[in-house]
Amino acid sequence: MDFSADSRYIQVSTGAYKRQVHEVPLGKQITDPALTEKITWATWTSILGDEVIGIWPRNADKADVNCACVTHAGLNIVTGDDFGLVKLFDFPCTEKFVSGSFILI
């Protein structure tokens, strides 16, 4: 779950792999893409959305990418996947099938 920078919205990723944006505190779902595109997020931990389409490898199953987090500077996103890999990408990552840098732990 992520709050917008002004704390007026939250975004969540559902178990059905849908990204949802809701108003705070009413909980009303925002479905207008023109509005959601204008929101500045304080954090980003979602694996879903146009901003992170490039973190998904070609032929990946929905469950392959498990987690993501954007750096405080908002320039990079790091992901973890089912294969034990931690990858670093530029953020936003809007080009499909980008090759991220692997981080060895």
Protein backbone atom coordinates (compact mmCIF):
# COMPACT_ATOMS: atom_id res chain seq x y z
CA MET A 1 0.00 0.00 0.00
CA ASP A 2 1.31 3.43 -0.92
CA PHE A 3 0.14 6.91 0.02
CA SER A 4 0.21 9.86 -2.33
CA ALA A 5 2.57 12.71 -1.44
CA ASP A 6 -0.40 14.78 -0.24
CA SER A 7 -1.94 11.81 1.65
CA ARG A 8 -5.22 12.17 -0.28
CA TYR A 9 -4.95 8.78 -2.05
CA ILE A 10 -3.69 5.25 -1.50
CA GLN A 11 -2.81 2.63 -4.09
CA VAL A 12 -3.02 -1.10 -3.45
CA SER A 13 -2.31 -4.22 -5.46
CA THR A 14 -4.98 -6.87 -5.13
CA GLY A 15 -4.61 -10.64 -5.05
CA ALA A 16 -6.22 -10.61 -8.51
CA TYR A 17 -3.24 -8.55 -9.80
CA LYS A 18 -5.21 -5.33 -10.17
CA ARG A 19 -3.89 -1.92 -9.13
CA GLN A 20 -6.50 0.13 -7.31
CA VAL A 21 -6.41 3.77 -6.25
CA HIS A 22 -8.71 5.01 -3.47
CA GLU A 23 -9.51 8.38 -1.90
CA VAL A 24 -8.56 8.86 1.74
CA PRO A 25 -10.45 8.72 4.11
CA LEU A 26 -13.62 7.88 2.15
CA GLY A 27 -12.22 4.79 0.44
CA LYS A 28 -13.93 5.64 -2.84
CA GLN A 29 -12.14 3.93 -5.73
CA ILE A 30 -10.71 6.25 -8.41
CA THR A 31 -11.09 4.70 -11.86
CA ASP A 32 -10.36 7.72 -14.07
CA PRO A 33 -6.86 7.18 -15.57
CA ALA A 34 -6.51 10.91 -16.22
CA LEU A 35 -6.75 11.53 -12.48
CA THR A 36 -4.54 8.68 -11.36
CA GLU A 37 -1.78 9.74 -13.77
CA LYS A 38 -1.59 13.14 -12.04
CA ILE A 39 -1.01 11.71 -8.56
CA THR A 40 2.48 12.01 -7.10
CA TRP A 41 3.22 9.05 -4.85
CA ALA A 42 5.21 9.41 -1.62
CA THR A 43 6.28 5.77 -1.96
CA TRP A 44 5.95 3.07 -4.58
CA THR A 45 5.88 -0.60 -3.61
CA SER A 46 3.48 -1.83 -6.29
CA ILE A 47 4.47 -4.40 -8.89
CA LEU A 48 1.55 -3.23 -11.04
CA GLY A 49 0.96 -0.19 -13.23
CA ASP A 50 2.23 1.49 -16.36
CA GLU A 51 5.13 2.94 -14.35
CA VAL A 52 6.56 -0.54 -13.74
CA ILE A 53 5.57 -2.51 -16.85
CA GLY A 54 9.27 -3.00 -17.69
CA ILE A 55 10.09 -4.93 -14.51
CA TRP A 56 8.26 -7.97 -15.89
CA PRO A 57 10.43 -10.36 -17.92
CA ARG A 58 9.14 -11.76 -21.18
CA ASN A 59 6.92 -14.84 -20.58
CA ALA A 60 6.69 -14.17 -16.83
CA ASP A 61 3.82 -15.56 -14.80
CA LYS A 62 1.83 -13.06 -12.76
CA ALA A 63 3.36 -14.35 -9.54
CA ASP A 64 7.01 -14.24 -10.70
CA VAL A 65 7.74 -10.69 -9.48
CA ASN A 66 6.98 -10.57 -5.75
CA CYS A 67 7.99 -7.15 -4.49
CA ALA A 68 9.20 -3.74 -5.55
CA CYS A 69 10.32 -0.53 -3.90
CA VAL A 70 11.29 2.84 -5.37
CA THR A 71 14.30 4.62 -3.86
CA HIS A 72 13.76 7.75 -1.76
CA ALA A 73 15.13 9.85 -4.61
CA GLY A 74 12.56 8.29 -6.95
CA LEU A 75 15.13 7.43 -9.61
CA ASN A 76 15.33 3.64 -9.30
CA ILE A 77 13.16 0.67 -8.42
CA VAL A 78 14.39 -2.61 -7.00
CA THR A 79 12.45 -5.87 -7.38
CA GLY A 80 12.56 -9.36 -5.95
CA ASP A 81 11.33 -12.43 -7.82
CA ASP A 82 10.59 -16.15 -7.54
CA PHE A 83 14.05 -17.01 -8.85
CA GLY A 84 15.85 -15.38 -5.91
CA LEU A 85 16.99 -12.44 -8.00
CA VAL A 86 17.07 -8.84 -6.86
CA LYS A 87 17.05 -6.46 -9.83
CA LEU A 88 17.57 -2.72 -10.15
CA PHE A 89 15.78 -0.65 -12.81
CA ASP A 90 15.42 3.02 -13.67
CA PHE A 91 12.10 4.45 -12.44
CA PRO A 92 9.69 4.84 -14.03
CA CYS A 93 10.25 1.67 -16.04
CA THR A 94 7.70 2.05 -18.83
CA GLU A 95 9.39 0.13 -21.65
CA LYS A 96 8.44 -3.56 -21.78
CA PHE A 97 11.02 -6.29 -21.11
CA VAL A 98 13.83 -4.08 -19.85
CA SER A 99 16.92 -5.92 -18.59
CA GLY A 100 17.52 -4.83 -15.02
CA SER A 101 20.88 -4.91 -13.28
CA PHE A 102 21.27 -7.91 -11.03
CA ILE A 103 22.27 -7.30 -7.45
CA LEU A 104 24.22 -10.14 -5.84
CA ILE A 105 23.54 -10.60 -2.17
